Amino acid sequence: SWYTQAYDSFPITAVEALEYSSNAYMVQT
């Protein structure tokens, strides 16, 4: 996820969780 790369010093947020879920969904399809 590019969120974790850009904001590695920040804790995981709801946005990161959503981005991760969307990314995982696209991988599955």
PDB file of N, CA and C in Angstrom:
ATOM      1  N   SER A   1       0.843  -1.205   0.000  1.00  0.00           N
ATOM      2  CA  SER A   1       0.000   0.000   0.000  1.00  0.00           C
ATOM      3  C   SER A   1       0.869   1.243   0.000  1.00  0.00           C
ATOM      4  N   TRP A   2       0.572   2.167  -0.835  1.00  0.00           N
ATOM      5  CA  TRP A   2       1.386   3.390  -0.890  1.00  0.00           C
ATOM      6  C   TRP A   2       1.111   4.284   0.305  1.00  0.00           C
ATOM      7  N   TYR A   3      -0.041   4.060   0.981  1.00  0.00           N
ATOM      8  CA  TYR A   3      -0.328   4.835   2.191  1.00  0.00           C
ATOM      9  C   TYR A   3       0.720   4.539   3.264  1.00  0.00           C
ATOM     10  N   THR A   4       1.018   3.280   3.470  1.00  0.00           N
ATOM     11  CA  THR A   4       1.976   2.904   4.504  1.00  0.00           C
ATOM     12  C   THR A   4       3.378   3.363   4.136  1.00  0.00           C
ATOM     13  N   GLN A   5       3.668   3.448   2.847  1.00  0.00           N
ATOM     14  CA  GLN A   5       4.990   3.893   2.419  1.00  0.00           C
ATOM     15  C   GLN A   5       5.150   5.393   2.611  1.00  0.00           C
ATOM     16  N   ALA A   6       4.089   6.141   2.341  1.00  0.00           N
ATOM     17  CA  ALA A   6       4.156   7.592   2.433  1.00  0.00           C
ATOM     18  C   ALA A   6       4.021   8.072   3.876  1.00  0.00           C
ATOM     19  N   TYR A   7       3.236   7.342   4.649  1.00  0.00           N
ATOM     20  CA  TYR A   7       2.989   7.764   6.034  1.00  0.00           C
ATOM     21  C   TYR A   7       3.416   6.662   6.996  1.00  0.00           C
ATOM     22  N   ASP A   8       4.613   6.152   6.802  1.00  0.00           N
ATOM     23  CA  ASP A   8       5.091   5.034   7.604  1.00  0.00           C
ATOM     24  C   ASP A   8       5.219   5.404   9.076  1.00  0.00           C
ATOM     25  N   SER A   9       5.414   6.696   9.358  1.00  0.00           N
ATOM     26  CA  SER A   9       5.596   7.137  10.738  1.00  0.00           C
ATOM     27  C   SER A   9       4.260   7.300  11.455  1.00  0.00           C
ATOM     28  N   PHE A  10       3.163   7.186  10.686  1.00  0.00           N
ATOM     29  CA  PHE A  10       1.846   7.332  11.296  1.00  0.00           C
ATOM     30  C   PHE A  10       1.208   5.964  11.518  1.00  0.00           C
ATOM     31  N   PRO A  11       0.352   5.864  12.535  1.00  0.00           N
ATOM     32  CA  PRO A  11      -0.352   4.604  12.782  1.00  0.00           C
ATOM     33  C   PRO A  11      -1.375   4.340  11.681  1.00  0.00           C
ATOM     34  N   ILE A  12      -1.806   3.095  11.578  1.00  0.00           N
ATOM     35  CA  ILE A  12      -2.795   2.740  10.559  1.00  0.00           C
ATOM     36  C   ILE A  12      -4.128   3.413  10.868  1.00  0.00           C
ATOM     37  N   THR A  13      -4.685   4.059   9.859  1.00  0.00           N
ATOM     38  CA  THR A  13      -5.945   4.771  10.040  1.00  0.00           C
ATOM     39  C   THR A  13      -7.064   4.033   9.321  1.00  0.00           C
ATOM     40  N   ALA A  14      -8.275   4.526   9.471  1.00  0.00           N
ATOM     41  CA  ALA A  14      -9.420   3.936   8.785  1.00  0.00           C
ATOM     42  C   ALA A  14      -9.224   4.025   7.273  1.00  0.00           C
ATOM     43  N   VAL A  15      -8.584   5.099   6.827  1.00  0.00           N
ATOM     44  CA  VAL A  15      -8.312   5.263   5.395  1.00  0.00           C
ATOM     45  C   VAL A  15      -7.370   4.175   4.912  1.00  0.00           C
ATOM     46  N   GLU A  16      -6.353   3.878   5.707  1.00  0.00           N
ATOM     47  CA  GLU A  16      -5.411   2.823   5.361  1.00  0.00           C
ATOM     48  C   GLU A  16      -6.117   1.476   5.317  1.00  0.00           C
ATOM     49  N   ALA A  17      -6.987   1.236   6.285  1.00  0.00           N
ATOM     50  CA  ALA A  17      -7.727  -0.023   6.319  1.00  0.00           C
ATOM     51  C   ALA A  17      -8.605  -0.157   5.077  1.00  0.00           C
ATOM     52  N   LEU A  18      -9.225   0.948   4.681  1.00  0.00           N
ATOM     53  CA  LEU A  18     -10.082   0.935   3.494  1.00  0.00           C
ATOM     54  C   LEU A  18      -9.244   0.702   2.238  1.00  0.00           C
ATOM     55  N   GLU A  19      -8.097   1.357   2.172  1.00  0.00           N
ATOM     56  CA  GLU A  19      -7.212   1.201   1.023  1.00  0.00           C
ATOM     57  C   GLU A  19      -6.724  -0.238   0.933  1.00  0.00           C
ATOM     58  N   TYR A  20      -6.403  -0.826   2.072  1.00  0.00           N
ATOM     59  CA  TYR A  20      -5.933  -2.200   2.112  1.00  0.00           C
ATOM     60  C   TYR A  20      -7.026  -3.159   1.655  1.00  0.00           C
ATOM     61  N   SER A  21      -8.253  -2.912   2.130  1.00  0.00           N
ATOM     62  CA  SER A  21      -9.384  -3.758   1.765  1.00  0.00           C
ATOM     63  C   SER A  21      -9.668  -3.657   0.268  1.00  0.00           C
ATOM     64  N   SER A  22      -9.634  -2.438  -0.255  1.00  0.00           N
ATOM     65  CA  SER A  22      -9.888  -2.229  -1.677  1.00  0.00           C
ATOM     66  C   SER A  22      -8.794  -2.897  -2.507  1.00  0.00           C
ATOM     67  N   ASN A  23      -7.565  -2.803  -2.047  1.00  0.00           N
ATOM     68  CA  ASN A  23      -6.444  -3.403  -2.754  1.00  0.00           C
ATOM     69  C   ASN A  23      -6.578  -4.924  -2.761  1.00  0.00           C
ATOM     70  N   ALA A  24      -6.939  -5.499  -1.628  1.00  0.00           N
ATOM     71  CA  ALA A  24      -7.108  -6.941  -1.522  1.00  0.00           C
ATOM     72  C   ALA A  24      -8.261  -7.407  -2.414  1.00  0.00           C
ATOM     73  N   TYR A  25      -9.298  -6.604  -2.482  1.00  0.00           N
ATOM     74  CA  TYR A  25     -10.453  -6.946  -3.312  1.00  0.00           C
ATOM     75  C   TYR A  25     -10.071  -6.968  -4.789  1.00  0.00           C
ATOM     76  N   MET A  26      -9.297  -6.003  -5.208  1.00  0.00           N
ATOM     77  CA  MET A  26      -8.883  -5.929  -6.610  1.00  0.00           C
ATOM     78  C   MET A  26      -7.949  -7.084  -6.960  1.00  0.00           C
ATOM     79  N   VAL A  27      -7.155  -7.509  -5.991  1.00  0.00           N
ATOM     80  CA  VAL A  27      -6.254  -8.634  -6.221  1.00  0.00           C
ATOM     81  C   VAL A  27      -7.058  -9.917  -6.408  1.00  0.00           C
ATOM     82  N   GLN A  28      -8.098 -10.084  -5.610  1.00  0.00           N
ATOM     83  CA  GLN A  28      -8.930 -11.285  -5.690  1.00  0.00           C
ATOM     84  C   GLN A  28      -9.648 -11.371  -7.033  1.00  0.00           C
ATOM     85  N   THR A  29     -10.113 -10.244  -7.515  1.00  0.00           N
ATOM     86  CA  THR A  29     -10.839 -10.243  -8.791  1.00  0.00           C
ATOM     87  C   THR A  29      -9.830 -10.294  -9.913  1.00  0.00           C
TER      88      THR A  29
END
